[in-house]
Amino acid sequence: MELTLIAVFGVISIVAVAAAARRLGVAAPLALVVVGIALSFLPGVPHVEVEPELVLTVVLPPLLYASAVHMPAIDFRRDLKAILRLAVLLVAGTTLCAGYLFSWLLPSLGLAAAYALGAIISPTDAVAATSIGKRLGLPSRLMTILEGEGLVNDASSLVLLASATAAMTSTVHLWKVGADFVLSVVLATLTGVLVGLVTVLVRGRLRDTVLNAAVSFVVPFLAFLPAEALGASGVLAVVVTGLVSGHLSPRFLRARDRLAEDINWQTASFLLESAIFLLMGLQLRTLIDQAQDAGQSVAHAVGIGLLASLLAIAVRMLFVAPLVASLRHDADKAEGFRTALDDLADRFSSGEELPQRFHKADPKRFEHRLKRGRSDAEFRINEKFGWRGGMVIAWSGMRGAITLAAAQTLPADTPYRAQLLLIAFVVAVTTLLVQGLSLPRVIRALKLPGDDNAADRAAFGELVSELSARADEVLTDPALTRPDGTAYDPAVLEHVRAVTTARRRLPTGTGTVPDGVDPREQYQELMLAAAAAEQDRLLSARSTGAYNSRVLTYAQSMIDNELARFQDPEG
């Protein structure tokens, strides 16, 4: 009964705080942390201590999966270099710098434990930054980089933390750390791809939305547990599974199932995310009491935490400067690359002889690669950003609840353990509140332009016309017949053609339906045929990258709504 009351009160509190934060224009995670800190000092509130295994193995996998499954794979691929630099190189650099700082300020801590704490405070949490960015209209490319960094950097930091923890009790060579990291990434990637592919294929055979949704809730753990058993990064396997599932689901899952899954995962993600930030704040009083009981200075821990926060912010700023320069260099190179591809495409279409290295290429695959390469070049040229975008990335280095959960995995005999937990908490809360609360002002002051909505509308209109043309090809095909082989009634067929062409406008023509013909059944079949043709064409456009992910998402939502209306709920 007591647990039920706590759960009910917790959900009501989360919803109330999130609603109030939205009205105040504050990111909900920030408000939840502040409320949690305030509640922790109220008389009668029990001490809260969350098991780290609960966060890292039960809460983290579904949160990462929910984010990864909504990440457009094409955007992730295009910005993979920037994401990996932030999620791997920056994490490693922050670990080294923070480790030296902690070993200097706490001489008897030991270098291995100092590096372990450095790895703990190195990963960022993109939840607050992306919620603020969406509200203020940050460019989609910046959002992709921040979200991608948040998806991958947990894996990097946990691998470094494991190596540093092992070094506390035995000798660990640097080359072995690197080899373990590479092996972990390879095994996690293979596991994630395999689980993502298999689960999508299996779910595609389930013709029941409830059963499909139930299976989707265990998919993150189907990737996490085998990867961990193999000694690989479970969280990276979950991310890869989410990316694969999100990319393949339009091809293999029914629209009704995808729409239901989207709502289910949004709700689950909101509750888990909010709960973890609220619990993070609630643990402050417990951490202070633990440090005092161990005879360790709270003020000293707070001071070290503040210095570590400044160091983490400074390292990120220094790292982002050359990163932005590199991205701008890539955009400049893309200009020449696009010109070269255009020349190659002209020679290919006119039948001229191609360079020797392309002689054995399959014509269709070659044309597909040309289109995708040109689309990638267009993306780098049209969506490039400069120092203002770099400033937003640099100031979006907030830490989160994973930092505190990782700190609690330190061995019980670690020197200054209670103080180290408090240091990790101070770093997480300082970066979260200082950078999170000031980020909206930074974005407004920089006057960073958002996405080009006019260009997106024009591209969306072009894509819809392309999809409708493909649907019209199917509907005007003389070989089009009903499942039983009979012909469709011309009046119903003309009505469906008018609907698909006008996109939900009523047709101007009229027709009569002969007796004995069920126009509703024929209408459903024809609309499904048209929507299926549009879906095939959309997948083809997505594979070439001819349109940006925003336009593709709008079109997918349009087709999903059509398919969900006409697909049989029983399959």
Protein backbone atom coordinates (compact mmCIF):
# COMPACT_ATOMS: atom_id res chain seq x y z
CA MET A 1 0.00 0.00 0.00
CA GLU A 2 2.82 2.39 0.91
CA LEU A 3 4.64 1.75 -2.39
CA THR A 4 1.39 2.36 -4.29
CA LEU A 5 0.91 5.72 -2.56
CA ILE A 6 4.52 6.70 -3.27
CA ALA A 7 4.14 5.78 -6.96
CA VAL A 8 0.86 7.71 -7.31
CA PHE A 9 2.25 10.75 -5.50
CA GLY A 10 5.42 10.57 -7.58
CA VAL A 11 3.59 10.54 -10.93
CA ILE A 12 1.28 13.37 -9.85
CA SER A 13 4.28 15.41 -8.66
CA ILE A 14 6.17 14.82 -11.91
CA VAL A 15 3.20 15.89 -14.04
CA ALA A 16 2.53 18.95 -11.87
CA VAL A 17 6.15 20.11 -11.88
CA ALA A 18 6.50 19.50 -15.62
CA ALA A 19 3.31 21.46 -16.35
CA ALA A 20 4.42 24.35 -14.12
CA ALA A 21 7.89 24.34 -15.71
CA ARG A 22 6.35 24.55 -19.16
CA ARG A 23 4.27 27.58 -18.14
CA LEU A 24 7.36 29.23 -16.64
CA GLY A 25 9.48 28.51 -19.70
CA VAL A 26 11.95 26.37 -17.72
CA ALA A 27 13.17 22.94 -18.81
CA ALA A 28 11.34 20.30 -16.77
CA PRO A 29 14.53 18.41 -15.71
CA LEU A 30 15.89 21.57 -14.09
CA ALA A 31 12.67 22.18 -12.18
CA LEU A 32 12.50 18.56 -11.03
CA VAL A 33 16.06 18.64 -9.66
CA VAL A 34 15.35 21.85 -7.74
CA VAL A 35 12.10 20.43 -6.33
CA GLY A 36 13.91 17.23 -5.35
CA ILE A 37 16.66 19.17 -3.53
CA ALA A 38 14.07 21.24 -1.65
CA LEU A 39 12.05 18.15 -0.68
CA SER A 40 15.16 16.34 0.60
CA PHE A 41 15.57 18.91 3.40
CA LEU A 42 11.93 18.88 4.55
CA PRO A 43 11.34 17.33 8.00
CA GLY A 44 9.91 13.84 7.78
CA VAL A 45 11.10 13.14 4.26
CA PRO A 46 13.04 9.86 4.40
CA HIS A 47 16.59 9.60 3.11
CA VAL A 48 16.64 8.51 -0.51
CA GLU A 49 19.36 6.25 -1.84
CA VAL A 50 18.88 4.78 -5.31
CA GLU A 51 20.67 1.59 -6.24
CA PRO A 52 23.02 2.39 -9.14
CA GLU A 53 22.22 -0.93 -10.81
CA LEU A 54 18.57 0.14 -10.98
CA VAL A 55 19.53 3.27 -12.94
CA LEU A 56 22.23 1.78 -15.17
CA THR A 57 20.55 -1.53 -16.04
CA VAL A 58 16.80 -0.87 -15.69
CA VAL A 59 16.22 2.84 -16.42
CA LEU A 60 19.07 3.77 -18.79
CA PRO A 61 18.47 1.14 -21.55
CA PRO A 62 14.83 2.11 -22.27
CA LEU A 63 15.71 5.83 -22.12
CA LEU A 64 18.49 5.41 -24.67
CA TYR A 65 16.32 3.22 -26.88
CA ALA A 66 13.45 5.72 -26.82
CA SER A 67 15.80 8.48 -27.96
CA ALA A 68 17.65 6.39 -30.55
CA VAL A 69 14.51 4.99 -32.19
CA HIS A 70 13.39 8.55 -32.98
CA MET A 71 16.80 9.66 -34.24
CA PRO A 72 16.81 9.83 -38.07
CA ALA A 73 19.54 7.39 -39.11
CA ILE A 74 20.45 9.56 -42.09
CA ASP A 75 21.18 12.55 -39.82
CA PHE A 76 23.15 10.39 -37.39
CA ARG A 77 25.28 9.06 -40.28
CA ARG A 78 25.92 12.52 -41.72
CA ASP A 79 27.10 13.93 -38.39
CA LEU A 80 28.78 10.77 -37.13
CA LYS A 81 32.25 12.36 -37.17
CA ALA A 82 31.18 15.27 -34.96
CA ILE A 83 29.20 12.97 -32.66
CA LEU A 84 32.09 10.55 -32.17
CA ARG A 85 34.54 13.37 -31.50
CA LEU A 86 32.32 14.76 -28.76
CA ALA A 87 31.27 11.37 -27.38
CA VAL A 88 34.69 9.67 -27.42
CA LEU A 89 37.57 12.14 -27.75
CA LEU A 90 36.01 14.83 -25.53
CA VAL A 91 35.03 12.25 -22.92
CA ALA A 92 38.61 10.88 -22.90
CA GLY A 93 40.09 14.39 -22.71
CA THR A 94 37.78 15.42 -19.87
CA THR A 95 38.62 12.20 -18.01
CA LEU A 96 42.36 12.90 -18.24
CA CYS A 97 42.12 16.57 -17.23
CA ALA A 98 39.68 15.95 -14.39
CA GLY A 99 41.72 12.96 -13.20
CA TYR A 100 44.83 15.14 -12.86
CA LEU A 101 42.79 17.77 -11.01
CA PHE A 102 41.38 15.25 -8.52
CA SER A 103 44.76 13.59 -7.92
CA TRP A 104 46.24 17.04 -7.19
CA LEU A 105 43.46 18.15 -4.84
CA LEU A 106 43.16 14.74 -3.14
CA PRO A 107 46.76 13.41 -3.07
CA SER A 108 45.96 10.25 -1.12
CA LEU A 109 43.10 9.31 -3.45
CA GLY A 110 45.28 7.47 -5.97
CA LEU A 111 45.59 8.09 -9.68
CA ALA A 112 43.27 5.24 -10.70
CA ALA A 113 40.44 6.44 -8.45
CA ALA A 114 41.02 10.01 -9.65
CA TYR A 115 40.63 8.89 -13.26
CA ALA A 116 37.54 6.89 -12.29
CA LEU A 117 35.94 10.06 -10.93
CA GLY A 118 37.06 11.91 -14.05
CA ALA A 119 35.29 9.32 -16.21
CA ILE A 120 32.19 9.66 -14.04
CA ILE A 121 31.81 13.42 -14.61
CA SER A 122 32.79 13.35 -18.31
CA PRO A 123 29.53 12.38 -20.12
CA THR A 124 26.87 14.99 -20.79
CA ASP A 125 23.11 14.57 -20.57
CA ALA A 126 21.34 16.07 -23.59
CA VAL A 127 17.82 15.98 -22.10
CA ALA A 128 17.78 19.53 -20.73
CA ALA A 129 19.65 21.01 -23.70
CA THR A 130 17.39 19.42 -26.30
CA SER A 131 14.20 20.36 -24.46
CA ILE A 132 15.37 23.98 -24.36
CA GLY A 133 16.57 23.84 -27.96
CA LYS A 134 13.25 22.51 -29.26
CA ARG A 135 11.34 25.23 -27.45
CA LEU A 136 13.58 27.99 -28.82
CA GLY A 137 13.84 26.60 -32.35
CA LEU A 138 17.48 25.56 -32.58
CA PRO A 139 18.56 24.22 -35.99
CA SER A 140 17.88 20.51 -36.41
CA ARG A 141 21.53 19.76 -37.12
CA LEU A 142 22.62 21.15 -33.75
CA MET A 143 19.91 19.11 -32.05
CA THR A 144 21.10 15.96 -33.83
CA ILE A 145 24.69 16.50 -32.73
CA LEU A 146 23.68 17.11 -29.10
CA GLU A 147 21.30 14.14 -29.01
CA GLY A 148 23.81 11.89 -30.75
CA GLU A 149 26.52 12.88 -28.29
CA GLY A 150 24.21 12.10 -25.38
CA LEU A 151 23.41 8.68 -26.84
CA VAL A 152 27.02 7.56 -27.31
CA ASN A 153 29.05 9.25 -24.57
CA ASP A 154 27.57 7.14 -21.76
CA ALA A 155 29.14 4.06 -23.37
CA SER A 156 32.56 5.78 -23.62
CA SER A 157 32.55 6.96 -20.03
CA LEU A 158 31.39 3.62 -18.59
CA VAL A 159 34.15 1.76 -20.46
CA LEU A 160 36.74 4.21 -19.10
CA LEU A 161 35.22 3.94 -15.62
CA ALA A 162 35.48 0.14 -15.74
CA SER A 163 39.13 0.34 -16.78
CA ALA A 164 39.96 2.86 -14.06
CA THR A 165 38.13 0.80 -11.44
CA ALA A 166 40.08 -2.30 -12.47
CA ALA A 167 43.33 -0.31 -12.19
CA MET A 168 42.59 0.30 -8.50
CA THR A 169 43.38 -3.33 -7.69
CA SER A 170 45.63 -4.45 -10.55
CA THR A 171 47.95 -3.16 -13.24
CA VAL A 172 46.19 -1.98 -16.40
CA HIS A 173 48.15 -1.04 -19.51
CA LEU A 174 47.05 1.81 -21.76
CA TRP A 175 47.12 -0.39 -24.87
CA LYS A 176 44.78 -2.84 -23.16
CA VAL A 177 42.32 -0.06 -22.38
CA GLY A 178 42.31 0.89 -26.06
CA ALA A 179 41.96 -2.71 -27.22
CA ASP A 180 39.12 -3.35 -24.75
CA PHE A 181 37.36 -0.20 -25.96
CA VAL A 182 37.59 -1.17 -29.63
CA LEU A 183 36.45 -4.74 -28.90
CA SER A 184 33.57 -3.43 -26.79
CA VAL A 185 32.43 -1.11 -29.59
CA VAL A 186 32.64 -3.81 -32.27
CA LEU A 187 30.75 -6.42 -30.23
CA ALA A 188 28.14 -3.89 -29.11
CA THR A 189 27.56 -2.69 -32.67
CA LEU A 190 27.17 -6.22 -34.04
CA THR A 191 24.83 -7.14 -31.18
CA GLY A 192 22.76 -4.01 -31.69
CA VAL A 193 22.40 -4.54 -35.44
CA LEU A 194 21.44 -8.19 -35.00
CA VAL A 195 18.89 -7.54 -32.25
CA GLY A 196 17.41 -4.58 -34.10
CA LEU A 197 17.00 -6.53 -37.33
CA VAL A 198 15.59 -9.68 -35.71
CA THR A 199 13.13 -7.87 -33.44
CA VAL A 200 11.77 -5.72 -36.27
CA LEU A 201 11.25 -8.78 -38.46
CA VAL A 202 9.54 -10.68 -35.63
CA ARG A 203 7.34 -7.72 -34.70
CA GLY A 204 6.43 -7.29 -38.36
CA ARG A 205 4.77 -10.72 -38.23
CA LEU A 206 2.64 -9.84 -35.21
CA ARG A 207 -0.74 -8.57 -36.38
CA ASP A 208 -1.80 -7.23 -33.00
CA THR A 209 -0.94 -3.72 -31.85
CA VAL A 210 -1.02 -4.60 -28.14
CA LEU A 211 1.31 -7.58 -28.57
CA ASN A 212 3.64 -5.48 -30.72
CA ALA A 213 3.80 -2.75 -28.10
CA ALA A 214 4.46 -5.33 -25.37
CA VAL A 215 7.42 -6.77 -27.30
CA SER A 216 8.84 -3.29 -27.95
CA PHE A 217 9.24 -2.71 -24.20
CA VAL A 218 11.72 -5.59 -23.87
CA VAL A 219 13.74 -4.81 -27.02
CA PRO A 220 16.25 -2.54 -25.17
CA PHE A 221 17.02 -5.33 -22.70
CA LEU A 222 17.33 -7.92 -25.47
CA ALA A 223 20.24 -5.80 -26.72
CA PHE A 224 21.65 -4.75 -23.34
CA LEU A 225 21.89 -8.10 -21.57
CA PRO A 226 23.70 -10.14 -24.29
CA ALA A 227 26.16 -7.31 -24.94
CA GLU A 228 27.00 -7.06 -21.24
CA ALA A 229 27.39 -10.85 -21.08
CA LEU A 230 29.89 -10.66 -23.95
CA GLY A 231 31.88 -7.98 -22.11
CA ALA A 232 30.76 -5.29 -24.56
CA SER A 233 29.01 -1.98 -23.94
CA GLY A 234 25.36 -2.73 -23.27
CA VAL A 235 24.31 0.90 -23.61
CA LEU A 236 25.95 1.21 -27.04
CA ALA A 237 24.20 -1.98 -28.16
CA VAL A 238 20.88 -0.43 -27.09
CA VAL A 239 21.61 2.74 -29.07
CA VAL A 240 22.47 0.76 -32.21
CA THR A 241 19.33 -1.35 -31.78
CA GLY A 242 17.24 1.81 -31.50
CA LEU A 243 18.78 3.32 -34.63
CA VAL A 244 18.25 0.11 -36.62
CA SER A 245 14.68 -0.31 -35.35
CA GLY A 246 13.75 3.29 -36.15
CA HIS A 247 15.24 3.01 -39.63
CA LEU A 248 13.61 -0.32 -40.54
CA SER A 249 10.21 0.06 -38.87
CA PRO A 250 8.54 1.99 -41.75
CA ARG A 251 9.46 -0.89 -44.05
CA PHE A 252 8.33 -3.80 -41.85
CA LEU A 253 5.88 -2.53 -39.20
CA ARG A 254 2.30 -1.42 -39.75
CA ALA A 255 1.54 2.27 -39.38
CA ARG A 256 -0.95 1.52 -36.59
CA ASP A 257 1.79 -0.26 -34.62
CA ARG A 258 4.30 2.54 -35.17
CA LEU A 259 1.87 5.23 -34.02
CA ALA A 260 0.96 3.25 -30.89
CA GLU A 261 4.63 2.56 -30.14
CA ASP A 262 5.45 6.25 -30.49
CA ILE A 263 2.87 7.29 -27.88
CA ASN A 264 3.82 4.45 -25.53
CA TRP A 265 7.52 5.25 -25.64
CA GLN A 266 6.97 8.99 -25.27
CA THR A 267 4.98 8.34 -22.09
CA ALA A 268 7.45 5.80 -20.68
CA SER A 269 10.41 8.02 -21.52
CA PHE A 270 8.80 11.06 -19.89
CA LEU A 271 8.05 9.21 -16.65
CA LEU A 272 11.47 7.51 -16.38
CA GLU A 273 13.38 10.65 -17.33
CA SER A 274 11.43 12.85 -14.92
CA ALA A 275 11.66 10.31 -12.08
CA ILE A 276 15.43 10.04 -12.39
CA PHE A 277 15.91 13.82 -12.18
CA LEU A 278 13.54 14.09 -9.21
CA LEU A 279 15.35 11.26 -7.42
CA MET A 280 18.67 12.91 -8.22
CA GLY A 281 17.64 16.01 -6.28
CA LEU A 282 16.17 13.96 -3.43
CA GLN A 283 19.55 12.29 -2.80
CA LEU A 284 21.39 15.48 -1.80
CA ARG A 285 20.56 15.27 1.91
CA THR A 286 21.59 11.61 1.96
CA LEU A 287 24.96 12.38 0.32
CA ILE A 288 25.67 15.19 2.80
CA ASP A 289 24.85 12.97 5.77
CA GLN A 290 27.04 10.16 4.41
CA ALA A 291 30.01 12.51 4.01
CA GLN A 292 29.54 13.89 7.53
CA ASP A 293 29.19 10.41 9.03
CA ALA A 294 32.47 9.44 7.35
CA GLY A 295 34.17 12.46 8.92
CA GLN A 296 34.79 14.09 5.52
CA SER A 297 34.40 17.79 4.80
CA VAL A 298 31.25 18.74 2.90
CA ALA A 299 32.61 22.22 2.12
CA HIS A 300 35.80 20.72 0.72
CA ALA A 301 33.78 18.39 -1.54
CA VAL A 302 31.61 21.26 -2.75
CA GLY A 303 34.67 23.36 -3.52
CA ILE A 304 36.31 20.54 -5.51
CA GLY A 305 33.02 19.93 -7.32
CA LEU A 306 32.79 23.59 -8.35
CA LEU A 307 36.40 23.56 -9.62
CA ALA A 308 35.71 20.35 -11.56
CA SER A 309 32.60 21.96 -13.07
CA LEU A 310 34.66 24.92 -14.29
CA LEU A 311 37.27 22.56 -15.70
CA ALA A 312 34.66 20.48 -17.55
CA ILE A 313 33.11 23.61 -19.07
CA ALA A 314 36.51 24.99 -20.09
CA VAL A 315 37.67 21.71 -21.66
CA ARG A 316 34.45 21.50 -23.67
CA MET A 317 34.82 25.06 -24.95
CA LEU A 318 38.42 24.47 -26.00
CA PHE A 319 37.44 21.24 -27.73
CA VAL A 320 34.46 22.67 -29.65
CA ALA A 321 36.47 25.46 -31.33
CA PRO A 322 38.52 23.16 -33.62
CA LEU A 323 35.45 20.92 -34.07
CA VAL A 324 33.46 23.79 -35.59
CA ALA A 325 36.43 24.75 -37.76
CA SER A 326 36.57 21.17 -39.02
CA LEU A 327 32.86 21.15 -39.83
CA ARG A 328 33.20 24.39 -41.78
CA HIS A 329 36.15 22.91 -43.65
CA ASP A 330 33.99 19.91 -44.54
CA ALA A 331 31.31 22.28 -45.85
CA ASP A 332 33.87 24.06 -48.04
CA LYS A 333 35.11 20.72 -49.39
CA ALA A 334 31.52 19.70 -50.11
CA GLU A 335 31.26 22.52 -52.67
CA GLY A 336 33.96 20.94 -54.82
CA PHE A 337 32.63 17.44 -54.15
CA ARG A 338 29.15 18.44 -55.35
CA THR A 339 30.59 19.90 -58.55
CA ALA A 340 32.55 16.70 -59.20
CA LEU A 341 29.45 14.57 -58.61
CA ASP A 342 27.37 16.73 -60.93
CA ASP A 343 29.97 16.29 -63.66
CA LEU A 344 30.05 12.54 -63.07
CA ALA A 345 26.23 12.35 -63.14
CA ASP A 346 26.11 14.27 -66.44
CA ARG A 347 28.62 11.88 -68.01
CA PHE A 348 26.68 8.88 -66.68
CA SER A 349 23.30 10.12 -67.99
CA SER A 350 24.72 11.05 -71.41
CA GLY A 351 26.40 7.65 -71.81
CA GLU A 352 29.95 9.02 -71.85
CA GLU A 353 32.80 6.82 -70.69
CA LEU A 354 33.35 6.96 -66.92
CA PRO A 355 36.72 6.81 -65.14
CA GLN A 356 38.30 3.35 -64.98
CA ARG A 357 37.43 2.72 -61.31
CA PHE A 358 33.68 2.93 -62.09
CA HIS A 359 33.63 0.54 -65.06
CA LYS A 360 32.55 -2.50 -63.02
CA ALA A 361 29.93 -0.65 -60.96
CA ASP A 362 26.30 -1.76 -61.19
CA PRO A 363 24.43 1.08 -63.00
CA LYS A 364 21.51 1.25 -60.55
CA ARG A 365 23.71 1.14 -57.46
CA PHE A 366 26.09 3.65 -59.04
CA GLU A 367 23.24 6.07 -59.73
CA HIS A 368 21.94 5.58 -56.19
CA ARG A 369 25.38 6.36 -54.74
CA LEU A 370 25.64 9.46 -56.90
CA LYS A 371 22.31 10.76 -55.61
CA ARG A 372 23.17 10.01 -52.00
CA GLY A 373 26.62 11.58 -52.28
CA ARG A 374 25.17 14.73 -53.78
CA SER A 375 22.46 14.89 -51.09
CA ASP A 376 25.13 14.58 -48.38
CA ALA A 377 27.12 17.40 -50.00
CA GLU A 378 23.98 19.56 -50.18
CA PHE A 379 23.34 18.87 -46.49
CA ARG A 380 26.83 20.01 -45.44
CA ILE A 381 26.55 23.14 -47.57
CA ASN A 382 23.00 24.18 -46.68
CA GLU A 383 23.05 23.24 -42.98
CA LYS A 384 26.51 24.45 -41.99
CA PHE A 385 26.89 26.58 -38.88
CA GLY A 386 29.61 28.83 -37.53
CA TRP A 387 30.85 30.11 -34.21
CA ARG A 388 27.34 30.85 -32.92
CA GLY A 389 26.30 27.23 -33.32
CA GLY A 390 29.61 26.22 -31.75
CA MET A 391 28.87 28.41 -28.72
CA VAL A 392 25.55 26.63 -28.21
CA ILE A 393 27.26 23.23 -28.38
CA ALA A 394 29.99 24.42 -25.99
CA TRP A 395 27.44 25.70 -23.46
CA SER A 396 25.27 22.57 -23.65
CA GLY A 397 27.57 20.38 -21.57
CA MET A 398 25.14 19.71 -18.72
CA ARG A 399 25.64 16.55 -16.70
CA GLY A 400 22.76 14.49 -15.37
CA ALA A 401 21.56 11.67 -13.16
CA ILE A 402 23.79 9.09 -14.89
CA THR A 403 26.81 10.88 -13.40
CA LEU A 404 25.57 10.26 -9.88
CA ALA A 405 24.52 6.67 -10.63
CA ALA A 406 27.95 5.90 -12.09
CA ALA A 407 29.64 7.40 -9.02
CA GLN A 408 27.69 5.06 -6.77
CA THR A 409 29.25 2.06 -8.55
CA LEU A 410 32.66 2.91 -7.05
CA PRO A 411 33.90 0.10 -4.76
CA ALA A 412 33.01 0.46 -1.09
CA ASP A 413 36.70 0.63 -0.10
CA THR A 414 37.49 3.56 -2.42
CA PRO A 415 39.24 6.35 -0.46
CA TYR A 416 36.98 9.35 0.23
CA ARG A 417 34.05 7.50 -1.35
CA ALA A 418 31.33 9.55 0.36
CA GLN A 419 33.13 12.75 -0.63
CA LEU A 420 33.55 11.55 -4.21
CA LEU A 421 29.80 10.93 -4.50
CA LEU A 422 29.13 14.47 -3.28
CA ILE A 423 31.69 15.87 -5.76
CA ALA A 424 29.95 14.07 -8.62
CA PHE A 425 26.59 15.43 -7.46
CA VAL A 426 27.94 18.99 -7.28
CA VAL A 427 29.35 18.74 -10.83
CA ALA A 428 26.05 17.39 -12.17
CA VAL A 429 23.86 19.96 -10.42
CA THR A 430 26.18 22.91 -11.08
CA THR A 431 26.41 22.29 -14.82
CA LEU A 432 22.73 21.38 -15.03
CA LEU A 433 21.45 24.50 -13.27
CA VAL A 434 24.07 27.08 -14.27
CA GLN A 435 24.27 26.13 -17.93
CA GLY A 436 20.68 24.91 -18.20
CA LEU A 437 19.13 28.08 -16.76
CA SER A 438 21.39 30.38 -18.79
CA LEU A 439 21.24 28.46 -22.09
CA PRO A 440 18.00 30.17 -23.27
CA ARG A 441 19.62 33.59 -22.79
CA VAL A 442 22.74 32.42 -24.63
CA ILE A 443 20.64 31.20 -27.56
CA ARG A 444 18.63 34.42 -27.71
CA ALA A 445 21.74 36.59 -27.43
CA LEU A 446 23.46 34.73 -30.26
CA LYS A 447 20.35 35.14 -32.49
CA LEU A 448 21.04 31.78 -34.02
CA PRO A 449 18.74 31.22 -37.03
CA GLY A 450 16.61 28.08 -36.93
CA ASP A 451 15.60 25.78 -39.76
CA ASP A 452 14.46 27.34 -43.03
CA ASN A 453 10.72 26.68 -42.72
CA ALA A 454 9.94 28.13 -46.14
CA ALA A 455 12.45 25.79 -47.78
CA ASP A 456 11.05 22.85 -45.78
CA ARG A 457 7.50 23.66 -46.92
CA ALA A 458 8.62 23.85 -50.54
CA ALA A 459 10.53 20.55 -50.24
CA PHE A 460 7.55 18.92 -48.53
CA GLY A 461 5.25 20.02 -51.35
CA GLU A 462 7.72 18.62 -53.87
CA LEU A 463 7.95 15.30 -52.01
CA VAL A 464 4.16 14.99 -51.66
CA SER A 465 3.78 15.59 -55.39
CA GLU A 466 6.37 12.88 -56.03
CA LEU A 467 4.56 10.45 -53.71
CA SER A 468 1.15 11.24 -55.22
CA ALA A 469 2.53 10.71 -58.71
CA ARG A 470 3.74 7.26 -57.71
CA ALA A 471 0.33 6.45 -56.18
CA ASP A 472 -1.36 7.61 -59.39
CA GLU A 473 0.88 5.28 -61.41
CA VAL A 474 -0.37 2.35 -59.34
CA LEU A 475 -4.03 3.42 -59.56
CA THR A 476 -3.90 3.87 -63.35
CA ASP A 477 -2.14 0.57 -63.93
CA PRO A 478 -4.45 -1.63 -66.08
CA ALA A 479 -3.20 -4.69 -64.20
CA LEU A 480 -4.57 -3.36 -60.87
CA THR A 481 -7.19 -5.78 -59.56
CA ARG A 482 -8.81 -6.74 -56.28
CA PRO A 483 -7.35 -9.60 -54.17
CA ASP A 484 -9.86 -11.98 -55.73
CA GLY A 485 -8.84 -10.98 -59.27
CA THR A 486 -11.95 -8.91 -60.15
CA ALA A 487 -11.75 -5.34 -61.43
CA TYR A 488 -12.41 -2.29 -59.32
CA ASP A 489 -15.47 -0.20 -59.98
CA PRO A 490 -14.47 2.85 -62.09
CA ALA A 491 -16.41 5.29 -59.88
CA VAL A 492 -14.62 4.17 -56.70
CA LEU A 493 -11.28 4.13 -58.51
CA GLU A 494 -11.78 7.66 -59.79
CA HIS A 495 -12.80 8.83 -56.32
CA VAL A 496 -9.60 7.42 -54.77
CA ARG A 497 -7.49 9.01 -57.52
CA ALA A 498 -9.08 12.36 -56.78
CA VAL A 499 -8.45 11.97 -53.04
CA THR A 500 -4.79 11.01 -53.42
CA THR A 501 -4.20 13.79 -55.92
CA ALA A 502 -5.92 16.52 -53.93
CA ARG A 503 -4.69 15.21 -50.56
CA ARG A 504 -7.98 15.00 -48.63
CA ARG A 505 -10.03 17.35 -50.82
CA LEU A 506 -13.31 15.94 -52.04
CA PRO A 507 -13.36 15.02 -55.74
CA THR A 508 -15.21 17.31 -58.11
CA GLY A 509 -16.55 14.50 -60.30
CA THR A 510 -19.48 12.25 -59.49
CA GLY A 511 -20.15 8.66 -60.32
CA THR A 512 -22.62 5.90 -59.73
CA VAL A 513 -21.84 2.56 -58.16
CA PRO A 514 -23.62 -0.49 -59.61
CA ASP A 515 -25.77 -2.67 -57.39
CA GLY A 516 -23.93 -5.46 -55.61
CA VAL A 517 -20.67 -3.49 -55.31
CA ASP A 518 -19.40 -2.52 -51.85
CA PRO A 519 -17.77 0.87 -52.47
CA ARG A 520 -16.39 1.13 -48.91
CA GLU A 521 -14.40 -2.09 -49.22
CA GLN A 522 -13.03 -1.11 -52.61
CA TYR A 523 -12.26 2.39 -51.37
CA GLN A 524 -10.28 0.90 -48.45
CA GLU A 525 -8.32 -1.43 -50.72
CA LEU A 526 -7.48 1.31 -53.21
CA MET A 527 -6.44 3.81 -50.54
CA LEU A 528 -4.17 1.16 -49.02
CA ALA A 529 -2.68 0.45 -52.44
CA ALA A 530 -2.03 4.16 -53.00
CA ALA A 531 -0.54 4.64 -49.53
CA ALA A 532 1.65 1.55 -49.95
CA ALA A 533 2.95 2.94 -53.24
CA GLU A 534 3.69 6.26 -51.55
CA GLN A 535 5.47 4.44 -48.72
CA ASP A 536 7.71 2.59 -51.19
CA ARG A 537 8.56 5.83 -52.94
CA LEU A 538 9.27 7.54 -49.61
CA LEU A 539 11.68 4.77 -48.58
CA SER A 540 13.46 5.19 -51.90
CA ALA A 541 13.75 8.95 -51.37
CA ARG A 542 15.04 8.36 -47.85
CA SER A 543 17.73 5.96 -49.05
CA THR A 544 19.16 8.56 -51.42
CA GLY A 545 18.92 11.40 -48.89
CA ALA A 546 17.21 13.59 -51.49
CA TYR A 547 15.21 15.38 -48.77
CA ASN A 548 16.19 16.39 -45.25
CA SER A 549 14.97 14.35 -42.28
CA ARG A 550 12.42 16.98 -41.26
CA VAL A 551 10.61 16.74 -44.59
CA LEU A 552 10.84 12.94 -44.61
CA THR A 553 9.38 12.82 -41.08
CA TYR A 554 6.43 15.03 -42.08
CA ALA A 555 5.73 12.81 -45.09
CA GLN A 556 6.04 9.61 -43.04
CA SER A 557 3.56 10.98 -40.50
CA MET A 558 1.13 11.82 -43.32
CA ILE A 559 1.36 8.31 -44.81
CA ASP A 560 1.17 6.64 -41.37
CA ASN A 561 -2.09 8.45 -40.63
CA GLU A 562 -3.51 7.28 -43.96
CA LEU A 563 -2.40 3.69 -43.41
CA ALA A 564 -3.68 3.65 -39.83
CA ARG A 565 -7.11 4.75 -41.03
CA PHE A 566 -7.49 1.99 -43.58
CA GLN A 567 -5.43 -0.95 -42.33
CA ASP A 568 -7.40 -3.79 -40.77
CA PRO A 569 -6.78 -3.74 -36.96
CA GLU A 570 -6.58 -7.55 -37.03
CA GLY A 571 -4.01 -7.51 -39.85
